N, C-alpha and C. Protein backbone atom coordinates (compact mmCIF):
# COMPACT_ATOMS: atom_id res chain seq x y z
N MET A 1 62.39 50.37 103.82
CA MET A 1 61.22 50.34 102.99
C MET A 1 61.63 49.96 101.58
N SER A 2 60.99 48.94 101.01
CA SER A 2 61.38 48.51 99.68
C SER A 2 60.67 49.36 98.63
N SER A 3 61.26 49.37 97.43
CA SER A 3 60.70 50.16 96.34
C SER A 3 59.55 49.40 95.71
N PRO A 4 58.51 50.12 95.25
CA PRO A 4 57.42 49.46 94.52
C PRO A 4 57.97 48.81 93.25
N ARG A 5 57.31 47.74 92.81
CA ARG A 5 57.75 47.03 91.60
C ARG A 5 57.79 47.98 90.41
N GLY A 6 58.88 47.93 89.64
CA GLY A 6 59.01 48.77 88.47
C GLY A 6 59.53 50.17 88.76
N TRP A 7 59.88 50.44 89.97
CA TRP A 7 60.34 51.78 90.34
C TRP A 7 61.76 51.65 90.89
N ALA A 8 62.71 52.23 90.20
CA ALA A 8 64.10 52.18 90.64
C ALA A 8 64.40 53.40 91.50
N GLU A 9 64.99 53.15 92.63
CA GLU A 9 65.32 54.25 93.54
C GLU A 9 66.69 54.81 93.18
N SER A 10 66.68 55.97 92.55
CA SER A 10 67.92 56.62 92.11
C SER A 10 68.63 57.26 93.31
N SER A 11 69.86 57.67 93.06
CA SER A 11 70.61 58.33 94.14
C SER A 11 69.93 59.63 94.57
N SER A 12 69.28 60.35 93.62
CA SER A 12 68.60 61.59 94.00
C SER A 12 67.38 61.30 94.86
N LEU A 13 66.66 60.20 94.59
CA LEU A 13 65.51 59.85 95.44
C LEU A 13 65.95 59.40 96.83
N VAL A 14 67.05 58.68 96.90
CA VAL A 14 67.59 58.28 98.20
C VAL A 14 67.99 59.52 98.99
N ALA A 15 68.68 60.44 98.34
CA ALA A 15 69.10 61.68 99.01
C ALA A 15 67.88 62.49 99.45
N LEU A 16 66.87 62.56 98.60
CA LEU A 16 65.65 63.30 98.97
C LEU A 16 64.99 62.69 100.19
N ARG A 17 64.89 61.37 100.22
CA ARG A 17 64.29 60.70 101.39
C ARG A 17 65.07 61.04 102.66
N ARG A 18 66.40 61.07 102.55
CA ARG A 18 67.22 61.44 103.70
C ARG A 18 66.97 62.89 104.12
N VAL A 19 66.84 63.79 103.14
CA VAL A 19 66.58 65.21 103.44
C VAL A 19 65.25 65.36 104.18
N LEU A 20 64.22 64.70 103.68
CA LEU A 20 62.90 64.80 104.32
C LEU A 20 62.92 64.27 105.76
N ALA A 21 63.57 63.15 105.95
CA ALA A 21 63.66 62.58 107.30
C ALA A 21 64.49 63.48 108.22
N ARG A 22 65.61 63.97 107.71
CA ARG A 22 66.48 64.83 108.52
C ARG A 22 65.78 66.15 108.84
N GLY A 23 65.01 66.68 107.89
CA GLY A 23 64.26 67.91 108.11
C GLY A 23 63.29 67.78 109.26
N ALA A 24 62.59 66.65 109.33
CA ALA A 24 61.65 66.43 110.44
C ALA A 24 62.41 66.35 111.77
N THR A 25 63.56 65.70 111.77
CA THR A 25 64.37 65.59 112.98
C THR A 25 64.87 66.96 113.42
N VAL A 26 65.39 67.74 112.47
CA VAL A 26 65.93 69.06 112.79
C VAL A 26 64.83 69.95 113.36
N ARG A 27 63.62 69.89 112.79
CA ARG A 27 62.50 70.70 113.28
C ARG A 27 62.23 70.38 114.76
N ARG A 28 62.18 69.09 115.09
CA ARG A 28 61.93 68.71 116.50
C ARG A 28 63.06 69.17 117.41
N VAL A 29 64.31 69.01 116.97
CA VAL A 29 65.48 69.40 117.77
C VAL A 29 65.48 70.90 118.00
N VAL A 30 65.28 71.68 116.94
CA VAL A 30 65.29 73.14 117.05
C VAL A 30 64.16 73.61 117.95
N ALA A 31 62.97 73.04 117.77
CA ALA A 31 61.84 73.43 118.62
C ALA A 31 62.16 73.15 120.09
N ARG A 32 62.70 71.97 120.36
CA ARG A 32 63.03 71.61 121.75
C ARG A 32 64.09 72.55 122.32
N ARG A 33 65.13 72.85 121.55
CA ARG A 33 66.17 73.77 122.03
C ARG A 33 65.61 75.15 122.33
N ALA A 34 64.64 75.58 121.53
CA ALA A 34 64.04 76.91 121.72
C ALA A 34 62.94 76.89 122.78
N GLY A 35 62.62 75.71 123.30
CA GLY A 35 61.55 75.60 124.29
C GLY A 35 60.18 75.81 123.68
N LEU A 36 60.04 75.43 122.41
CA LEU A 36 58.79 75.61 121.68
C LEU A 36 58.25 74.26 121.23
N SER A 37 56.95 74.22 120.96
CA SER A 37 56.38 73.03 120.32
C SER A 37 56.66 73.13 118.82
N ASP A 38 56.47 72.02 118.11
CA ASP A 38 56.65 72.04 116.66
C ASP A 38 55.74 73.07 116.02
N HIS A 39 54.48 73.14 116.49
CA HIS A 39 53.53 74.10 115.93
C HIS A 39 53.95 75.54 116.25
N GLU A 40 54.47 75.77 117.42
CA GLU A 40 54.92 77.13 117.77
C GLU A 40 56.08 77.54 116.87
N LEU A 41 57.02 76.63 116.62
CA LEU A 41 58.14 76.93 115.73
C LEU A 41 57.63 77.20 114.32
N SER A 42 56.71 76.38 113.84
CA SER A 42 56.14 76.59 112.50
C SER A 42 55.44 77.94 112.42
N ALA A 43 54.72 78.31 113.47
CA ALA A 43 54.04 79.60 113.50
C ALA A 43 55.06 80.74 113.46
N LEU A 44 56.13 80.62 114.22
CA LEU A 44 57.18 81.65 114.19
C LEU A 44 57.78 81.78 112.80
N GLU A 45 58.03 80.66 112.15
CA GLU A 45 58.58 80.70 110.79
C GLU A 45 57.62 81.43 109.85
N MET A 46 56.33 81.11 109.95
CA MET A 46 55.33 81.77 109.10
C MET A 46 55.27 83.26 109.39
N LEU A 47 55.24 83.60 110.68
CA LEU A 47 55.12 85.01 111.07
C LEU A 47 56.37 85.80 110.70
N SER A 48 57.51 85.13 110.62
CA SER A 48 58.74 85.80 110.21
C SER A 48 58.66 86.27 108.77
N ARG A 49 57.87 85.57 107.97
CA ARG A 49 57.69 85.96 106.56
C ARG A 49 56.62 87.04 106.40
N ASP A 50 55.53 86.95 107.21
CA ASP A 50 54.45 87.90 107.06
C ASP A 50 53.49 87.78 108.23
N ALA A 51 52.93 88.91 108.65
CA ALA A 51 51.88 88.90 109.67
C ALA A 51 50.68 88.15 109.11
N THR A 52 49.94 87.51 109.96
CA THR A 52 48.77 86.74 109.52
C THR A 52 47.72 86.72 110.61
N GLY A 53 46.52 86.43 110.23
CA GLY A 53 45.44 86.32 111.20
C GLY A 53 45.43 84.96 111.85
N PRO A 54 44.82 84.85 113.03
CA PRO A 54 44.76 83.56 113.72
C PRO A 54 44.07 82.48 112.90
N GLY A 55 43.03 82.85 112.15
CA GLY A 55 42.33 81.86 111.32
C GLY A 55 43.22 81.32 110.22
N GLU A 56 43.97 82.20 109.58
CA GLU A 56 44.89 81.77 108.53
C GLU A 56 46.01 80.91 109.10
N LEU A 57 46.43 81.26 110.29
CA LEU A 57 47.46 80.47 110.99
C LEU A 57 46.94 79.05 111.26
N ALA A 58 45.69 78.97 111.72
CA ALA A 58 45.08 77.66 111.99
C ALA A 58 45.07 76.81 110.73
N GLY A 59 44.67 77.41 109.61
CA GLY A 59 44.63 76.66 108.35
C GLY A 59 46.01 76.21 107.91
N ALA A 60 46.98 77.10 108.00
CA ALA A 60 48.34 76.77 107.57
C ALA A 60 48.97 75.69 108.44
N LEU A 61 48.64 75.70 109.73
CA LEU A 61 49.21 74.71 110.65
C LEU A 61 48.36 73.44 110.72
N ASP A 62 47.20 73.47 110.06
CA ASP A 62 46.27 72.34 110.08
C ASP A 62 45.84 72.00 111.51
N VAL A 63 45.47 73.05 112.25
CA VAL A 63 44.95 72.89 113.61
C VAL A 63 43.63 73.64 113.70
N THR A 64 42.88 73.40 114.76
CA THR A 64 41.63 74.10 114.96
C THR A 64 41.90 75.56 115.34
N ARG A 65 40.90 76.40 115.21
CA ARG A 65 41.06 77.80 115.61
C ARG A 65 41.40 77.92 117.11
N PRO A 66 40.73 77.15 117.98
CA PRO A 66 41.12 77.24 119.40
C PRO A 66 42.57 76.82 119.64
N ALA A 67 43.04 75.81 118.91
CA ALA A 67 44.44 75.39 119.06
C ALA A 67 45.38 76.49 118.58
N ALA A 68 45.03 77.13 117.46
CA ALA A 68 45.85 78.24 116.96
C ALA A 68 45.87 79.39 117.97
N THR A 69 44.74 79.66 118.60
CA THR A 69 44.68 80.70 119.63
C THR A 69 45.63 80.36 120.77
N GLY A 70 45.68 79.11 121.17
CA GLY A 70 46.60 78.67 122.22
C GLY A 70 48.05 78.84 121.81
N ILE A 71 48.36 78.52 120.56
CA ILE A 71 49.72 78.69 120.05
C ILE A 71 50.11 80.16 120.10
N VAL A 72 49.21 81.02 119.62
CA VAL A 72 49.48 82.46 119.63
C VAL A 72 49.61 82.95 121.07
N ASP A 73 48.73 82.51 121.96
CA ASP A 73 48.81 82.91 123.37
C ASP A 73 50.18 82.60 123.96
N ARG A 74 50.70 81.40 123.67
CA ARG A 74 52.00 81.01 124.21
C ARG A 74 53.13 81.83 123.61
N LEU A 75 53.06 82.12 122.31
CA LEU A 75 54.09 82.95 121.67
C LEU A 75 54.04 84.37 122.22
N VAL A 76 52.85 84.90 122.43
CA VAL A 76 52.69 86.25 122.99
C VAL A 76 53.23 86.27 124.42
N ALA A 77 52.91 85.26 125.21
CA ALA A 77 53.38 85.19 126.61
C ALA A 77 54.91 85.16 126.69
N ARG A 78 55.56 84.57 125.71
CA ARG A 78 57.03 84.51 125.69
C ARG A 78 57.65 85.75 125.06
N GLY A 79 56.80 86.65 124.56
CA GLY A 79 57.31 87.86 123.92
C GLY A 79 57.75 87.66 122.48
N HIS A 80 57.40 86.53 121.88
CA HIS A 80 57.81 86.22 120.52
C HIS A 80 56.84 86.73 119.46
N ALA A 81 55.62 87.13 119.88
CA ALA A 81 54.61 87.61 118.94
C ALA A 81 53.72 88.62 119.64
N GLU A 82 53.03 89.40 118.82
CA GLU A 82 52.06 90.37 119.34
C GLU A 82 50.80 90.29 118.50
N ARG A 83 49.67 90.56 119.15
CA ARG A 83 48.42 90.72 118.41
C ARG A 83 48.24 92.20 118.13
N ARG A 84 47.83 92.53 116.91
CA ARG A 84 47.57 93.92 116.53
C ARG A 84 46.28 93.98 115.73
N ALA A 85 45.67 95.15 115.75
CA ALA A 85 44.51 95.35 114.89
C ALA A 85 44.97 95.29 113.45
N HIS A 86 44.20 94.65 112.61
CA HIS A 86 44.52 94.55 111.18
C HIS A 86 44.48 95.95 110.58
N PRO A 87 45.49 96.35 109.81
CA PRO A 87 45.53 97.73 109.30
C PRO A 87 44.38 98.08 108.36
N ALA A 88 43.86 97.10 107.61
CA ALA A 88 42.79 97.39 106.66
C ALA A 88 41.40 97.13 107.23
N ASP A 89 41.31 96.31 108.27
CA ASP A 89 40.01 95.95 108.85
C ASP A 89 40.16 95.89 110.36
N ARG A 90 39.80 96.96 111.03
CA ARG A 90 40.02 97.08 112.48
C ARG A 90 39.25 96.04 113.30
N ARG A 91 38.30 95.35 112.67
CA ARG A 91 37.57 94.29 113.40
C ARG A 91 38.39 93.02 113.49
N ARG A 92 39.38 92.89 112.62
CA ARG A 92 40.22 91.70 112.59
C ARG A 92 41.50 91.93 113.38
N THR A 93 42.10 90.83 113.77
CA THR A 93 43.38 90.85 114.47
C THR A 93 44.41 90.14 113.60
N GLU A 94 45.64 90.65 113.62
CA GLU A 94 46.73 89.94 112.98
C GLU A 94 47.80 89.67 114.01
N VAL A 95 48.56 88.63 113.76
CA VAL A 95 49.64 88.25 114.65
C VAL A 95 50.95 88.62 113.96
N VAL A 96 51.82 89.29 114.71
CA VAL A 96 53.08 89.80 114.17
C VAL A 96 54.22 89.26 115.01
N VAL A 97 55.28 88.79 114.35
CA VAL A 97 56.46 88.32 115.08
C VAL A 97 57.19 89.54 115.66
N THR A 98 57.76 89.36 116.84
CA THR A 98 58.55 90.42 117.47
C THR A 98 60.03 90.18 117.20
N ASP A 99 60.85 91.14 117.57
CA ASP A 99 62.29 90.95 117.44
C ASP A 99 62.75 89.73 118.24
N SER A 100 62.13 89.50 119.39
CA SER A 100 62.47 88.34 120.21
C SER A 100 62.18 87.04 119.47
N GLY A 101 61.01 86.97 118.83
CA GLY A 101 60.65 85.78 118.09
C GLY A 101 61.54 85.56 116.88
N ARG A 102 61.83 86.64 116.17
CA ARG A 102 62.71 86.55 115.01
C ARG A 102 64.11 86.11 115.47
N GLY A 103 64.58 86.67 116.57
CA GLY A 103 65.90 86.32 117.09
C GLY A 103 65.97 84.88 117.55
N GLU A 104 64.88 84.39 118.15
CA GLU A 104 64.84 82.99 118.62
C GLU A 104 65.03 82.05 117.45
N ALA A 105 64.28 82.28 116.39
CA ALA A 105 64.40 81.42 115.21
C ALA A 105 65.78 81.55 114.57
N ARG A 106 66.25 82.78 114.44
CA ARG A 106 67.54 83.03 113.79
C ARG A 106 68.68 82.37 114.57
N THR A 107 68.65 82.45 115.88
CA THR A 107 69.71 81.88 116.70
C THR A 107 69.92 80.39 116.40
N HIS A 108 68.81 79.68 116.25
CA HIS A 108 68.91 78.24 116.06
C HIS A 108 69.08 77.82 114.61
N LEU A 109 68.64 78.66 113.67
CA LEU A 109 68.64 78.26 112.28
C LEU A 109 69.72 78.93 111.42
N LEU A 110 70.31 80.03 111.90
CA LEU A 110 71.28 80.76 111.08
C LEU A 110 72.46 79.91 110.62
N PRO A 111 73.07 79.07 111.46
CA PRO A 111 74.19 78.26 110.96
C PRO A 111 73.78 77.38 109.77
N MET A 112 72.58 76.82 109.82
CA MET A 112 72.10 76.00 108.72
C MET A 112 71.88 76.86 107.47
N PHE A 113 71.26 78.04 107.63
CA PHE A 113 71.02 78.92 106.49
C PHE A 113 72.33 79.36 105.84
N LEU A 114 73.34 79.66 106.66
CA LEU A 114 74.64 80.06 106.10
C LEU A 114 75.28 78.92 105.32
N ALA A 115 75.20 77.71 105.85
CA ALA A 115 75.77 76.55 105.15
C ALA A 115 75.02 76.30 103.84
N LEU A 116 73.70 76.47 103.84
CA LEU A 116 72.93 76.28 102.61
C LEU A 116 73.24 77.37 101.59
N ALA A 117 73.42 78.60 102.06
CA ALA A 117 73.78 79.70 101.14
C ALA A 117 75.15 79.43 100.50
N GLU A 118 76.08 78.91 101.29
CA GLU A 118 77.41 78.58 100.75
C GLU A 118 77.31 77.47 99.72
N LEU A 119 76.51 76.45 100.01
CA LEU A 119 76.30 75.36 99.05
C LEU A 119 75.67 75.91 97.78
N ASP A 120 74.64 76.75 97.91
CA ASP A 120 73.96 77.34 96.75
C ASP A 120 74.94 78.14 95.90
N ALA A 121 75.82 78.88 96.55
CA ALA A 121 76.79 79.70 95.82
C ALA A 121 77.79 78.85 95.04
N SER A 122 77.92 77.57 95.39
CA SER A 122 78.86 76.71 94.67
C SER A 122 78.30 76.22 93.34
N PHE A 123 77.01 76.46 93.08
CA PHE A 123 76.39 76.06 91.82
C PHE A 123 76.37 77.22 90.84
N ASP A 124 76.44 76.90 89.56
CA ASP A 124 76.24 77.96 88.57
C ASP A 124 74.74 78.10 88.31
N ASP A 125 74.36 79.08 87.50
CA ASP A 125 72.94 79.36 87.27
C ASP A 125 72.20 78.17 86.68
N ALA A 126 72.82 77.47 85.75
CA ALA A 126 72.18 76.32 85.12
C ALA A 126 71.93 75.20 86.14
N GLU A 127 72.92 74.96 87.00
CA GLU A 127 72.75 73.93 88.03
C GLU A 127 71.65 74.33 89.00
N ARG A 128 71.62 75.59 89.40
CA ARG A 128 70.58 76.08 90.30
C ARG A 128 69.20 75.90 89.69
N GLU A 129 69.11 76.12 88.39
CA GLU A 129 67.82 75.96 87.69
C GLU A 129 67.33 74.52 87.78
N VAL A 130 68.23 73.56 87.59
CA VAL A 130 67.87 72.14 87.67
C VAL A 130 67.45 71.80 89.10
N VAL A 131 68.20 72.25 90.08
CA VAL A 131 67.87 71.98 91.48
C VAL A 131 66.51 72.59 91.82
N ALA A 132 66.29 73.82 91.39
CA ALA A 132 65.01 74.50 91.67
C ALA A 132 63.85 73.74 91.03
N ARG A 133 64.03 73.30 89.80
CA ARG A 133 62.97 72.55 89.11
C ARG A 133 62.66 71.24 89.85
N TYR A 134 63.70 70.56 90.30
CA TYR A 134 63.52 69.32 91.06
C TYR A 134 62.78 69.59 92.37
N LEU A 135 63.21 70.61 93.09
CA LEU A 135 62.59 70.90 94.38
C LEU A 135 61.16 71.38 94.22
N GLU A 136 60.85 72.14 93.17
CA GLU A 136 59.46 72.53 92.91
C GLU A 136 58.60 71.30 92.63
N GLY A 137 59.16 70.33 91.93
CA GLY A 137 58.46 69.06 91.71
C GLY A 137 58.23 68.30 93.00
N VAL A 138 59.21 68.34 93.89
CA VAL A 138 59.06 67.71 95.20
C VAL A 138 57.91 68.37 95.96
N VAL A 139 57.88 69.69 95.96
CA VAL A 139 56.81 70.42 96.65
C VAL A 139 55.45 70.03 96.06
N ALA A 140 55.35 69.94 94.75
CA ALA A 140 54.09 69.56 94.11
C ALA A 140 53.67 68.15 94.53
N ALA A 141 54.62 67.23 94.59
CA ALA A 141 54.31 65.86 95.01
C ALA A 141 53.85 65.82 96.47
N LEU A 142 54.50 66.60 97.33
CA LEU A 142 54.10 66.66 98.73
C LEU A 142 52.72 67.30 98.87
N ASP A 143 52.48 68.36 98.11
CA ASP A 143 51.17 69.02 98.14
C ASP A 143 50.07 68.07 97.71
N ALA A 144 50.35 67.25 96.70
CA ALA A 144 49.35 66.29 96.22
C ALA A 144 48.98 65.29 97.30
N VAL A 145 49.97 64.82 98.05
CA VAL A 145 49.69 63.89 99.15
C VAL A 145 48.89 64.59 100.24
N ALA A 146 49.27 65.81 100.57
CA ALA A 146 48.58 66.55 101.63
C ALA A 146 47.14 66.88 101.24
N ALA A 147 46.86 67.02 99.95
CA ALA A 147 45.52 67.38 99.48
C ALA A 147 44.59 66.18 99.37
N GLU A 148 45.12 64.97 99.46
CA GLU A 148 44.28 63.79 99.36
C GLU A 148 43.28 63.76 100.50
N PRO A 149 42.02 63.42 100.20
CA PRO A 149 41.02 63.37 101.28
C PRO A 149 41.34 62.24 102.26
N THR A 150 41.00 62.49 103.51
CA THR A 150 41.23 61.47 104.53
C THR A 150 39.98 60.61 104.66
N ASP A 151 40.16 59.38 105.07
CA ASP A 151 39.03 58.50 105.30
C ASP A 151 38.34 58.86 106.60
N GLY A 152 37.05 58.71 106.61
CA GLY A 152 36.32 58.89 107.87
C GLY A 152 35.65 60.13 108.03
């Protein structure tokens, strides 16, 4: 892909493009190794951070509520998640990751997390600050693209 006129592709932009492409590949590989779909893996990652309702899961995964229900059903059937009554509103349900689900994700991702932690430890605080600022900018740019209205 060529660069737009007037835009020079720096080494950091080339590296970022490689990271984004490799991240998509790793997600597919890890999901396949775990016997999960990409959406199921994404749901497990979300649930590992915090319990959430099926509706919120649908929104975060950008799928319909029925599709999110199917994702949750499959995770529950594999023992990777459980449905529970919401602690503050018993009419609602929340989905919680189980030890099995947490272990499934950890098994496939821990070597990468350890390597990233080692890389992070090699930077001083000032370098980490620059990297964090760059990555927050990347997230903002990605969010802007995702927020653009679709045609049709």
